[in-house]
Every structure is written in C-alpha cells, then in structure tokens.
C-alpha atoms as a PDB file:
ATOM      1  CA  UNK A   1     -73.144 149.082   2.045  1.00  0.00           C
ATOM      2  CA  UNK A   2     -72.587 152.045  -0.279  1.00  0.00           C
ATOM      3  CA  UNK A   3     -73.042 155.733   0.554  1.00  0.00           C
ATOM      4  CA  UNK A   4     -73.652 158.723  -1.752  1.00  0.00           C
ATOM      5  CA  UNK A   5     -72.113 162.100  -1.082  1.00  0.00           C
ATOM      6  CA  UNK A   6     -72.699 165.588  -2.476  1.00  0.00           C
ATOM      7  CA  UNK A   7     -69.583 166.542  -4.488  1.00  0.00           C
ATOM      8  CA  UNK A   8     -69.014 170.061  -5.718  1.00  0.00           C
ATOM      9  CA  UNK A   9     -66.236 170.724  -8.259  1.00  0.00           C
ATOM     10  CA  UNK A  10     -65.277 174.284  -9.076  1.00  0.00           C
ATOM     11  CA  UNK A  11     -63.723 174.279 -12.532  1.00  0.00           C
ATOM     12  CA  UNK A  12     -61.318 177.249 -12.334  1.00  0.00           C
ATOM     13  CA  UNK A  13     -60.470 177.170 -16.044  1.00  0.00           C
ATOM     14  CA  UNK A  14     -64.084 177.382 -17.190  1.00  0.00           C
ATOM     15  CA  UNK A  15     -65.429 179.403 -14.295  1.00  0.00           C
ATOM     16  CA  UNK A  16     -68.185 176.783 -13.733  1.00  0.00           C
ATOM     17  CA  UNK A  17     -69.314 174.960 -10.537  1.00  0.00           C
ATOM     18  CA  UNK A  18     -70.821 171.489 -10.750  1.00  0.00           C
ATOM     19  CA  UNK A  19     -72.532 169.698  -7.853  1.00  0.00           C
ATOM     20  CA  UNK A  20     -73.617 166.032  -8.133  1.00  0.00           C
ATOM     21  CA  UNK A  21     -74.348 163.079  -5.910  1.00  0.00           C
ATOM     22  CA  UNK A  22     -71.490 160.643  -6.163  1.00  0.00           C
ATOM     23  CA  UNK A  23     -71.384 157.014  -4.808  1.00  0.00           C
ATOM     24  CA  UNK A  24     -68.418 156.258  -2.509  1.00  0.00           C
ATOM     25  CA  UNK A  25     -67.467 153.224  -4.545  1.00  0.00           C
ATOM     26  CA  UNK A  26     -66.945 154.966  -7.934  1.00  0.00           C
ATOM     27  CA  UNK A  27     -64.205 157.305  -9.035  1.00  0.00           C
ATOM     28  CA  UNK A  28     -65.312 160.956  -8.837  1.00  0.00           C
ATOM     29  CA  UNK A  29     -64.236 161.733 -12.399  1.00  0.00           C
ATOM     30  CA  UNK A  30     -66.072 158.697 -13.732  1.00  0.00           C
ATOM     31  CA  UNK A  31     -69.256 159.671 -11.840  1.00  0.00           C
ATOM     32  CA  UNK A  32     -69.223 163.230 -13.212  1.00  0.00           C
ATOM     33  CA  UNK A  33     -68.567 162.057 -16.782  1.00  0.00           C
ATOM     34  CA  UNK A  34     -71.365 159.496 -16.623  1.00  0.00           C
ATOM     35  CA  UNK A  35     -73.702 162.467 -16.058  1.00  0.00           C
ATOM     36  CA  UNK A  36     -72.326 164.483 -18.936  1.00  0.00           C
ATOM     37  CA  UNK A  37     -69.993 166.830 -17.007  1.00  0.00           C
ATOM     38  CA  UNK A  38     -66.625 167.388 -18.639  1.00  0.00           C
ATOM     39  CA  UNK A  39     -63.693 167.833 -16.293  1.00  0.00           C
ATOM     40  CA  UNK A  40     -59.977 167.984 -17.140  1.00  0.00           C
ATOM     41  CA  UNK A  41     -58.236 164.564 -17.329  1.00  0.00           C
ATOM     42  CA  UNK A  42     -55.568 162.832 -19.338  1.00  0.00           C
ATOM     43  CA  UNK A  43     -54.243 159.434 -18.207  1.00  0.00           C
ATOM     44  CA  UNK A  44     -57.152 158.139 -16.022  1.00  0.00           C
ATOM     45  CA  UNK A  45     -54.554 156.133 -14.097  1.00  0.00           C
ATOM     46  CA  UNK A  46     -53.494 158.525 -11.329  1.00  0.00           C
ATOM     47  CA  UNK A  47     -50.105 159.061 -12.940  1.00  0.00           C
ATOM     48  CA  UNK A  48     -50.269 162.696 -14.228  1.00  0.00           C
ATOM     49  CA  UNK A  49     -51.632 165.947 -12.777  1.00  0.00           C
ATOM     50  CA  UNK A  50     -54.168 166.997 -15.399  1.00  0.00           C
ATOM     51  CA  UNK A  51     -57.169 166.109 -13.170  1.00  0.00           C
ATOM     52  CA  UNK A  52     -55.560 167.515  -9.953  1.00  0.00           C
ATOM     53  CA  UNK A  53     -57.805 169.349  -7.565  1.00  0.00           C
ATOM     54  CA  UNK A  54     -57.347 171.137  -4.208  1.00  0.00           C
ATOM     55  CA  UNK A  55     -59.705 169.984  -1.475  1.00  0.00           C
ATOM     56  CA  UNK A  56     -61.656 172.827   0.002  1.00  0.00           C
ATOM     57  CA  UNK A  57     -63.734 170.704   2.405  1.00  0.00           C
ATOM     58  CA  UNK A  58     -64.440 167.059   2.937  1.00  0.00           C
ATOM     59  CA  UNK A  59     -62.480 163.811   2.666  1.00  0.00           C
ATOM     60  CA  UNK A  60     -61.180 161.824  -0.277  1.00  0.00           C
ATOM     61  CA  UNK A  61     -59.591 158.357  -0.549  1.00  0.00           C
ATOM     62  CA  UNK A  62     -57.043 158.098  -3.367  1.00  0.00           C
ATOM     63  CA  UNK A  63     -54.864 154.983  -2.744  1.00  0.00           C
ATOM     64  CA  UNK A  64     -53.967 154.689  -6.448  1.00  0.00           C
ATOM     65  CA  UNK A  65     -52.756 158.334  -6.922  1.00  0.00           C
ATOM     66  CA  UNK A  66     -49.125 157.414  -7.766  1.00  0.00           C
ATOM     67  CA  UNK A  67     -48.731 160.696  -9.739  1.00  0.00           C
ATOM     68  CA  UNK A  68     -49.141 162.803  -6.597  1.00  0.00           C
ATOM     69  CA  UNK A  69     -46.622 162.791  -3.882  1.00  0.00           C
ATOM     70  CA  UNK A  70     -47.713 161.945  -0.289  1.00  0.00           C
ATOM     71  CA  UNK A  71     -46.561 165.420   0.680  1.00  0.00           C
ATOM     72  CA  UNK A  72     -49.018 167.055  -1.792  1.00  0.00           C
ATOM     73  CA  UNK A  73     -51.766 164.686  -0.749  1.00  0.00           C
ATOM     74  CA  UNK A  74     -51.200 165.832   2.905  1.00  0.00           C
ATOM     75  CA  UNK A  75     -51.459 169.423   1.677  1.00  0.00           C
ATOM     76  CA  UNK A  76     -54.940 168.725   0.283  1.00  0.00           C
ATOM     77  CA  UNK A  77     -54.335 167.857  -3.366  1.00  0.00           C
ATOM     78  CA  UNK A  78     -56.050 164.913  -5.070  1.00  0.00           C
ATOM     79  CA  UNK A  79     -56.441 163.359  -8.500  1.00  0.00           C
ATOM     80  CA  UNK A  80     -60.131 162.973  -9.446  1.00  0.00           C
ATOM     81  CA  UNK A  81     -59.513 160.066 -11.819  1.00  0.00           C
ATOM     82  CA  UNK A  82     -58.571 157.793  -8.946  1.00  0.00           C
ATOM     83  CA  UNK A  83     -60.377 159.485  -5.984  1.00  0.00           C
ATOM     84  CA  UNK A  84     -63.342 158.234  -4.078  1.00  0.00           C
ATOM     85  CA  UNK A  85     -65.582 160.632  -1.926  1.00  0.00           C
ATOM     86  CA  UNK A  86     -65.531 159.724   1.787  1.00  0.00           C
ATOM     87  CA  UNK A  87     -67.863 162.600   2.775  1.00  0.00           C
ATOM     88  CA  UNK A  88     -69.659 165.541   1.221  1.00  0.00           C
ATOM     89  CA  UNK A  89     -66.843 167.270  -0.628  1.00  0.00           C
ATOM     90  CA  UNK A  90     -65.919 170.520  -2.305  1.00  0.00           C
ATOM     91  CA  UNK A  91     -62.840 170.750  -4.576  1.00  0.00           C
ATOM     92  CA  UNK A  92     -61.315 173.154  -7.031  1.00  0.00           C
ATOM     93  CA  UNK A  93     -59.550 172.181 -10.196  1.00  0.00           C
ATOM     94  CA  UNK A  94     -55.908 173.243 -10.414  1.00  0.00           C
ATOM     95  CA  UNK A  95     -53.635 174.302 -13.312  1.00  0.00           C
ATOM     96  CA  UNK A  96     -51.768 171.179 -14.346  1.00  0.00           C
ATOM     97  CA  UNK A  97     -48.485 173.132 -14.628  1.00  0.00           C
ATOM     98  CA  UNK A  98     -48.852 174.586 -11.104  1.00  0.00           C
ATOM     99  CA  UNK A  99     -49.214 171.135  -9.559  1.00  0.00           C
ATOM    100  CA  UNK A 100     -46.453 169.693 -11.688  1.00  0.00           C
ATOM    101  CA  UNK A 101     -44.168 172.477 -10.508  1.00  0.00           C
ATOM    102  CA  UNK A 102     -45.115 171.940  -6.880  1.00  0.00           C
ATOM    103  CA  UNK A 103     -44.333 168.249  -7.263  1.00  0.00           C
ATOM    104  CA  UNK A 104     -41.220 168.312  -9.466  1.00  0.00           C
ATOM    105  CA  UNK A 105     -39.963 171.953  -9.531  1.00  0.00           C
ATOM    106  CA  UNK A 106     -37.262 171.241  -6.951  1.00  0.00           C
ATOM    107  CA  UNK A 107     -35.493 168.956  -9.458  1.00  0.00           C
ATOM    108  CA  UNK A 108     -35.329 171.432 -12.374  1.00  0.00           C
ATOM    109  CA  UNK A 109     -32.904 174.290 -12.985  1.00  0.00           C
ATOM    110  CA  UNK A 110     -30.670 173.221 -10.117  1.00  0.00           C
ATOM    111  CA  UNK A 111     -27.508 172.746 -12.265  1.00  0.00           C
ATOM    112  CA  UNK A 112     -27.405 169.002 -11.972  1.00  0.00           C
ATOM    113  CA  UNK A 113     -27.830 168.314 -15.698  1.00  0.00           C
ATOM    114  CA  UNK A 114     -25.608 170.377 -18.029  1.00  0.00           C
ATOM    115  CA  UNK A 115     -26.968 169.470 -21.497  1.00  0.00           C
ATOM    116  CA  UNK A 116     -29.844 167.100 -22.019  1.00  0.00           C
ATOM    117  CA  UNK A 117     -30.615 164.098 -19.865  1.00  0.00           C
ATOM    118  CA  UNK A 118     -27.687 161.788 -19.043  1.00  0.00           C
ATOM    119  CA  UNK A 119     -28.494 158.427 -20.635  1.00  0.00           C
ATOM    120  CA  UNK A 120     -25.427 156.545 -19.616  1.00  0.00           C
ATOM    121  CA  UNK A 121     -23.187 156.696 -16.606  1.00  0.00           C
ATOM    122  CA  UNK A 122     -19.594 157.618 -17.668  1.00  0.00           C
END
C-alpha cells in the first residue's frame, strides 16, 4: 500500500517555495522533476551534496545516501535524490559548499598534507 504526502521544499538560492503531493515509494527529487519543478542536483546517486536539504519538519527515509554522513543525517540533513517522504514534510535546500564543509571540513587545512595529495607511501 502506498501513501502520498505533502512535501514543501524551500529553495533558498531562488527564494521560491514549492509544495507538491509526493508518493512514499518515489524519490522526492524525481517526483518534483516529473511535475516540472527544477531543484538543485548533480549525481542522482546520493554521493554528492548538491541536492542536500535541511529537514524543518517531518520524516525522510534515505538508506542510499552514502554521500551524507550518519552524523549529518542525525542532525536533520538529507539528499533529495535518494530520499523518500515518510510523512508530510518541509525541507530547505542548502548551499552545497556549506554541507560539504560540515561533512569534510575537519580533514582540510590540518597540516597533514604538505604539498598535494600523497599518491604513494614512502
């Protein structure tokens, strides 16, 4: 049995809010696109942070979101390209660089790599 939920996406970059009915068995991004709504995306595989959103209210299932750490998922971030609505939902798009920094920033500028990436162990 499939359910349909009201999903609201606030697109921060464009200053536009979209609200649609989305089935629980279809990716949110795919549902919006099929109705002509353009939202940010890149890989469509849950591996990058281009389609990242912050959950304002509601629940999402995103078992394939390999590009988003479990810690960020617990903090309310999701990737629309591989997310299913589990309730009525309100989310807000995020700046890709902000989410990338939250996820990977602790690894950069820490003095571990002196010049370029080490390709071989010496």
